[in-house]
Amino acid sequence: MADAPPSLTALSALLAEQSSVLAASVGSPLAPPSYLDLVRRAQDVDVLAEQVLKLCVQQSRDAGHTWPEIGDLL
């Protein structure tokens, strides 16, 4: 049996966590950041944000919103 896809709540929590890690890495006053590490972390955040966006769009469609409504927001 296939695993269920992550919920919007779970994905959003993971996105928030990864965004916080990225922000902490950028803002550390004790040492300059490793820029390649920042690129990797930013990519991780981007991938999660895309997943959250896709799930929000899917749930908006499931709730009866139209593609024009969603497109106007995007």
C-alpha atoms as a PDB file:
ATOM      1  CA  MET A   1       0.000   0.000   0.000  1.00  0.00           C
ATOM      2  CA  ALA A   2       1.362   3.438  -0.958  1.00  0.00           C
ATOM      3  CA  ASP A   3       1.974   6.035   1.704  1.00  0.00           C
ATOM      4  CA  ALA A   4      -0.542   8.853   1.880  1.00  0.00           C
ATOM      5  CA  PRO A   5       0.771  12.199   0.638  1.00  0.00           C
ATOM      6  CA  PRO A   6       1.766  14.653   3.364  1.00  0.00           C
ATOM      7  CA  SER A   7      -0.965  16.924   4.653  1.00  0.00           C
ATOM      8  CA  LEU A   8      -0.948  20.672   4.162  1.00  0.00           C
ATOM      9  CA  THR A   9      -0.342  21.037   7.895  1.00  0.00           C
ATOM     10  CA  ALA A  10       2.681  18.735   7.828  1.00  0.00           C
ATOM     11  CA  LEU A  11       4.169  20.322   4.702  1.00  0.00           C
ATOM     12  CA  SER A  12       3.629  23.831   6.070  1.00  0.00           C
ATOM     13  CA  ALA A  13       5.295  22.924   9.363  1.00  0.00           C
ATOM     14  CA  LEU A  14       8.275  21.466   7.515  1.00  0.00           C
ATOM     15  CA  LEU A  15       8.480  24.565   5.300  1.00  0.00           C
ATOM     16  CA  ALA A  16       8.431  26.808   8.380  1.00  0.00           C
ATOM     17  CA  GLU A  17      11.166  24.741  10.001  1.00  0.00           C
ATOM     18  CA  GLN A  18      13.388  24.778   6.913  1.00  0.00           C
ATOM     19  CA  SER A  19      12.799  28.513   6.421  1.00  0.00           C
ATOM     20  CA  SER A  20      13.839  29.147  10.018  1.00  0.00           C
ATOM     21  CA  VAL A  21      17.006  27.102   9.545  1.00  0.00           C
ATOM     22  CA  LEU A  22      17.816  29.091   6.399  1.00  0.00           C
ATOM     23  CA  ALA A  23      17.195  32.398   8.158  1.00  0.00           C
ATOM     24  CA  ALA A  24      19.349  31.363  11.109  1.00  0.00           C
ATOM     25  CA  SER A  25      22.156  30.329   8.773  1.00  0.00           C
ATOM     26  CA  VAL A  26      22.084  33.687   7.013  1.00  0.00           C
ATOM     27  CA  GLY A  27      21.799  35.753  10.157  1.00  0.00           C
ATOM     28  CA  SER A  28      24.440  34.148  12.347  1.00  0.00           C
ATOM     29  CA  PRO A  29      26.653  36.920  13.734  1.00  0.00           C
ATOM     30  CA  LEU A  30      29.349  34.495  14.877  1.00  0.00           C
ATOM     31  CA  ALA A  31      30.544  33.263  11.501  1.00  0.00           C
ATOM     32  CA  PRO A  32      29.963  34.047   7.858  1.00  0.00           C
ATOM     33  CA  PRO A  33      27.657  31.549   6.199  1.00  0.00           C
ATOM     34  CA  SER A  34      28.779  28.824   3.867  1.00  0.00           C
ATOM     35  CA  TYR A  35      27.216  30.130   0.678  1.00  0.00           C
ATOM     36  CA  LEU A  36      26.939  26.716  -0.942  1.00  0.00           C
ATOM     37  CA  ASP A  37      25.122  25.506   2.163  1.00  0.00           C
ATOM     38  CA  LEU A  38      22.764  28.482   1.834  1.00  0.00           C
ATOM     39  CA  VAL A  39      22.083  27.544  -1.786  1.00  0.00           C
ATOM     40  CA  ARG A  40      21.216  23.983  -0.709  1.00  0.00           C
ATOM     41  CA  ARG A  41      18.984  25.193   2.115  1.00  0.00           C
ATOM     42  CA  ALA A  42      17.257  27.720  -0.149  1.00  0.00           C
ATOM     43  CA  GLN A  43      16.638  24.973  -2.703  1.00  0.00           C
ATOM     44  CA  ASP A  44      15.098  22.794   0.023  1.00  0.00           C
ATOM     45  CA  VAL A  45      12.783  25.672   0.998  1.00  0.00           C
ATOM     46  CA  ASP A  46      11.873  26.253  -2.664  1.00  0.00           C
ATOM     47  CA  VAL A  47      10.952  22.590  -3.188  1.00  0.00           C
ATOM     48  CA  LEU A  48       8.777  22.560  -0.069  1.00  0.00           C
ATOM     49  CA  ALA A  49       7.119  25.861  -1.006  1.00  0.00           C
ATOM     50  CA  GLU A  50       6.243  24.433  -4.420  1.00  0.00           C
ATOM     51  CA  GLN A  51       4.693  21.377  -2.766  1.00  0.00           C
ATOM     52  CA  VAL A  52       2.662  23.581  -0.419  1.00  0.00           C
ATOM     53  CA  LEU A  53       1.488  25.734  -3.332  1.00  0.00           C
ATOM     54  CA  LYS A  54       0.428  22.719  -5.393  1.00  0.00           C
ATOM     55  CA  LEU A  55      -1.496  21.263  -2.462  1.00  0.00           C
ATOM     56  CA  CYS A  56      -3.193  24.608  -1.770  1.00  0.00           C
ATOM     57  CA  VAL A  57      -4.246  24.833  -5.408  1.00  0.00           C
ATOM     58  CA  GLN A  58      -5.539  21.258  -5.335  1.00  0.00           C
ATOM     59  CA  GLN A  59      -7.524  21.904  -2.168  1.00  0.00           C
ATOM     60  CA  SER A  60      -8.871  25.166  -3.593  1.00  0.00           C
ATOM     61  CA  ARG A  61     -10.125  23.272  -6.647  1.00  0.00           C
ATOM     62  CA  ASP A  62     -11.607  20.562  -4.412  1.00  0.00           C
ATOM     63  CA  ALA A  63     -13.419  23.323  -2.478  1.00  0.00           C
ATOM     64  CA  GLY A  64     -15.013  24.564  -5.708  1.00  0.00           C
ATOM     65  CA  HIS A  65     -12.807  27.492  -6.644  1.00  0.00           C
ATOM     66  CA  THR A  66     -12.263  28.042 -10.355  1.00  0.00           C
ATOM     67  CA  TRP A  67      -9.030  28.131 -12.304  1.00  0.00           C
ATOM     68  CA  PRO A  68      -9.578  31.842 -13.097  1.00  0.00           C
ATOM     69  CA  GLU A  69      -9.924  32.595  -9.373  1.00  0.00           C
ATOM     70  CA  ILE A  70      -6.715  30.720  -8.606  1.00  0.00           C
ATOM     71  CA  GLY A  71      -4.933  32.210 -11.624  1.00  0.00           C
ATOM     72  CA  ASP A  72      -5.807  35.741 -10.512  1.00  0.00           C
ATOM     73  CA  LEU A  73      -4.015  35.075  -7.229  1.00  0.00           C
ATOM     74  CA  LEU A  74      -0.982  33.623  -8.913  1.00  0.00           C
END
